[in-house]
Protein backbone atom coordinates (compact mmCIF):
# COMPACT_ATOMS: atom_id res chain seq x y z
CA UNK A 1 9.57 13.58 21.18
CA UNK A 2 11.23 16.94 20.93
CA UNK A 3 10.71 18.81 17.69
CA UNK A 4 13.67 20.74 16.41
CA UNK A 5 14.31 22.49 13.13
CA UNK A 6 16.72 24.69 11.27
CA UNK A 7 16.16 26.86 8.22
CA UNK A 8 18.66 27.85 5.58
CA UNK A 9 17.76 30.23 2.78
CA UNK A 10 19.58 30.85 -0.49
CA UNK A 11 18.88 34.58 -0.74
CA UNK A 12 19.89 35.03 -4.37
CA UNK A 13 17.67 32.20 -5.58
CA UNK A 14 14.72 33.40 -3.53
CA UNK A 15 15.06 36.89 -4.96
CA UNK A 16 15.05 35.40 -8.44
CA UNK A 17 11.80 33.57 -7.75
CA UNK A 18 9.76 36.23 -5.94
CA UNK A 19 7.34 36.60 -8.86
CA UNK A 20 6.61 32.90 -9.20
CA UNK A 21 3.77 31.05 -7.53
CA UNK A 22 4.72 27.39 -7.10
CA UNK A 23 6.16 25.78 -3.99
CA UNK A 24 8.28 22.86 -5.16
CA UNK A 25 9.22 20.30 -2.50
CA UNK A 26 12.49 18.44 -2.93
CA UNK A 27 14.10 15.73 -0.85
CA UNK A 28 15.22 12.17 -0.44
CA UNK A 29 12.62 9.41 -0.67
CA UNK A 30 10.56 9.14 2.53
CA UNK A 31 11.21 12.72 3.59
CA UNK A 32 7.48 13.47 3.73
CA UNK A 33 7.19 15.48 0.53
CA UNK A 34 3.84 14.10 -0.60
CA UNK A 35 2.14 14.21 2.80
CA UNK A 36 3.41 17.67 3.68
CA UNK A 37 2.85 18.90 0.14
CA UNK A 38 -0.81 17.97 0.28
CA UNK A 39 -1.14 19.65 3.69
CA UNK A 40 0.57 22.78 2.38
CA UNK A 41 -1.76 22.90 -0.62
CA UNK A 42 -4.77 22.49 1.68
CA UNK A 43 -3.53 25.40 3.77
CA UNK A 44 -3.12 27.59 0.68
CA UNK A 45 -6.34 26.26 -0.89
CA UNK A 46 -4.49 25.56 -4.10
CA UNK A 47 -3.77 22.61 -6.37
CA UNK A 48 -1.29 19.86 -5.42
CA UNK A 49 0.62 17.60 -7.79
CA UNK A 50 3.04 14.75 -7.17
CA UNK A 51 5.37 14.33 -10.16
CA UNK A 52 5.47 10.55 -9.64
CA UNK A 53 1.67 10.47 -9.87
CA UNK A 54 1.78 12.57 -13.04
CA UNK A 55 4.27 10.10 -14.52
CA UNK A 56 1.91 7.22 -13.79
CA UNK A 57 -1.04 9.10 -15.27
CA UNK A 58 0.89 9.83 -18.46
CA UNK A 59 2.56 6.45 -18.96
CA UNK A 60 0.28 3.98 -17.19
CA UNK A 61 3.33 2.73 -15.30
CA UNK A 62 4.62 3.27 -11.79
CA UNK A 63 7.99 5.07 -11.62
CA UNK A 64 9.63 1.99 -10.11
CA UNK A 65 8.49 -0.12 -13.08
CA UNK A 66 9.79 2.43 -15.59
CA UNK A 67 13.14 2.50 -13.82
CA UNK A 68 13.32 -1.30 -13.83
CA UNK A 69 12.33 -1.75 -17.48
CA UNK A 70 13.84 1.34 -19.12
CA UNK A 71 16.67 2.22 -16.76
CA UNK A 72 17.52 5.60 -15.23
CA UNK A 73 17.57 7.35 -18.62
CA UNK A 74 14.07 6.18 -19.50
CA UNK A 75 12.73 7.23 -16.13
CA UNK A 76 14.32 10.68 -16.34
CA UNK A 77 12.67 11.26 -19.71
CA UNK A 78 9.29 10.38 -18.19
CA UNK A 79 10.00 12.66 -15.24
CA UNK A 80 11.01 15.52 -17.53
CA UNK A 81 7.79 15.08 -19.54
CA UNK A 82 5.72 15.19 -16.36
CA UNK A 83 7.41 18.41 -15.25
CA UNK A 84 6.94 19.96 -18.67
CA UNK A 85 3.22 19.18 -18.56
CA UNK A 86 2.90 20.90 -15.17
CA UNK A 87 4.83 23.93 -16.41
CA UNK A 88 2.74 24.26 -19.55
CA UNK A 89 -0.52 24.11 -17.61
CA UNK A 90 0.26 25.86 -14.34
CA UNK A 91 3.15 28.32 -14.65
CA UNK A 92 2.08 31.54 -12.92
CA UNK A 93 -0.56 29.81 -10.82
CA UNK A 94 -0.26 29.10 -7.11
CA UNK A 95 0.25 25.40 -6.50
CA UNK A 96 2.38 22.91 -4.59
CA UNK A 97 4.49 20.27 -6.34
CA UNK A 98 6.07 17.25 -4.68
CA UNK A 99 8.96 15.76 -6.64
CA UNK A 100 10.59 12.36 -6.80
CA UNK A 101 13.57 11.63 -4.57
CA UNK A 102 16.05 11.48 -7.43
CA UNK A 103 15.05 14.59 -9.34
CA UNK A 104 18.26 16.25 -8.13
CA UNK A 105 20.04 14.15 -10.79
CA UNK A 106 17.66 15.23 -13.57
CA UNK A 107 18.86 18.64 -14.75
CA UNK A 108 16.31 19.06 -17.58
CA UNK A 109 13.40 18.41 -15.19
CA UNK A 110 14.84 20.80 -12.60
CA UNK A 111 15.31 23.51 -15.20
CA UNK A 112 11.65 23.26 -16.14
CA UNK A 113 10.47 23.51 -12.54
CA UNK A 114 12.95 26.26 -11.68
CA UNK A 115 10.96 28.77 -13.72
CA UNK A 116 7.79 27.99 -11.78
CA UNK A 117 8.69 28.94 -8.23
CA UNK A 118 10.61 28.24 -5.03
CA UNK A 119 12.65 25.08 -4.41
CA UNK A 120 12.13 23.86 -0.82
CA UNK A 121 14.41 21.06 0.39
CA UNK A 122 12.90 18.96 3.17
CA UNK A 123 15.97 17.52 4.87
CA UNK A 124 15.38 14.63 7.25
CA UNK A 125 18.02 12.76 9.27
CA UNK A 126 19.51 9.76 7.49
CA UNK A 127 18.42 7.29 10.15
CA UNK A 128 14.80 8.47 9.96
CA UNK A 129 14.61 8.09 6.18
CA UNK A 130 16.38 4.72 6.32
CA UNK A 131 14.02 3.45 9.02
CA UNK A 132 11.04 4.34 6.83
CA UNK A 133 12.52 2.33 3.95
CA UNK A 134 13.16 -0.64 6.23
CA UNK A 135 9.61 -0.56 7.59
CA UNK A 136 8.20 -0.88 4.06
CA UNK A 137 10.70 -3.56 3.02
CA UNK A 138 9.41 -7.10 2.53
CA UNK A 139 11.22 -10.41 2.76
CA UNK A 140 10.17 -13.50 0.78
CA UNK A 141 10.42 -17.09 1.95
CA UNK A 142 13.76 -17.48 0.18
CA UNK A 143 15.15 -14.40 1.88
CA UNK A 144 14.87 -12.04 -1.09
CA UNK A 145 14.24 -8.45 -0.05
CA UNK A 146 11.47 -6.58 -1.84
CA UNK A 147 9.50 -3.32 -1.98
CA UNK A 148 12.71 -1.30 -1.98
CA UNK A 149 13.50 1.89 -3.91
CA UNK A 150 14.81 1.03 -7.37
CA UNK A 151 18.27 2.45 -6.72
CA UNK A 152 18.63 0.06 -3.77
CA UNK A 153 16.92 -2.95 -5.34
CA UNK A 154 19.22 -2.90 -8.38
CA UNK A 155 22.19 -3.61 -6.10
CA UNK A 156 20.52 -6.78 -4.77
CA UNK A 157 20.99 -6.27 -1.02
CA UNK A 158 20.86 -9.42 1.10
CA UNK A 159 20.40 -7.90 4.54
CA UNK A 160 18.97 -4.85 6.28
CA UNK A 161 22.54 -3.69 6.86
CA UNK A 162 23.18 -3.88 3.11
CA UNK A 163 20.13 -1.68 2.52
CA UNK A 164 21.32 0.89 5.03
CA UNK A 165 24.82 0.94 3.55
CA UNK A 166 23.54 1.49 0.02
CA UNK A 167 21.18 4.18 1.26
CA UNK A 168 23.95 5.94 3.20
CA UNK A 169 26.05 6.62 0.11
CA UNK A 170 23.12 7.95 -1.88
CA UNK A 171 21.78 10.00 1.04
CA UNK A 172 25.08 11.81 1.46
CA UNK A 173 25.43 12.64 -2.23
CA UNK A 174 21.83 13.75 -2.77
CA UNK A 175 21.67 15.79 0.41
CA UNK A 176 24.68 17.80 -0.69
CA UNK A 177 23.12 18.37 -4.12
CA UNK A 178 19.76 19.40 -2.70
CA UNK A 179 21.37 21.87 -0.33
CA UNK A 180 23.09 23.47 -3.31
CA UNK A 181 20.04 23.86 -5.54
CA UNK A 182 17.39 24.68 -2.92
CA UNK A 183 16.11 28.19 -2.28
CA UNK A 184 15.04 27.17 1.22
CA UNK A 185 16.27 24.22 3.27
CA UNK A 186 14.07 23.02 6.12
CA UNK A 187 15.63 20.46 8.45
CA UNK A 188 12.94 18.23 9.92
CA UNK A 189 12.99 15.73 12.75
CA UNK A 190 10.54 12.97 13.64
CA UNK A 191 7.55 15.02 14.75
CA UNK A 192 3.79 15.34 14.24
CA UNK A 193 2.89 16.36 10.70
CA UNK A 194 1.21 19.59 11.73
CA UNK A 195 4.38 20.75 13.48
CA UNK A 196 6.47 20.01 10.41
CA UNK A 197 3.95 21.93 8.31
CA UNK A 198 4.33 24.92 10.63
CA UNK A 199 8.08 24.59 10.20
CA UNK A 200 7.75 24.93 6.43
CA UNK A 201 5.44 27.93 6.77
CA UNK A 202 7.94 29.63 9.06
CA UNK A 203 10.70 29.00 6.53
CA UNK A 204 8.56 30.71 3.90
CA UNK A 205 7.71 33.57 6.29
CA UNK A 206 4.00 32.74 5.98
């Protein structure tokens, strides 16, 4: 499959962050943030953190369970606390951070991370991200769909088409937000991981 990419840089934001050391990956769920983040950290020989994993370590709960039991507000508080912990321990140190897919809606968490380094938006095509969600989706004997992102599950979709429709609306809104707040936007296609990693490095001029 052909590998294509495009890079967009917010010059003012990048200039503001030239003294910071963290590479903070943003993007919709299933955009490859965790996988590529770990690869990027390995390349830099630095620490890697996934904010969702930090949330679980701090609360003993998976993000999806917090969202289901405490709602969006409860989850955003947990996410903000996780980001604050990373900032308190690692500001000024080189590291890579992978964030949750909905952090674009969590201004306090973003403000904490903003002081740490460069925001990198990994933008994947809608159909690619949706296909990854569908592949992980389960279906029980009574037809109930499971293993879906919380923001989709709460709308009780009955069919794959329902899932894609719900995802479409959120994808459009979040993509626009991420493009606005990112220092660097890297558009990725379905390609081998090492090629996508090279794409990110090129975007960072490394």
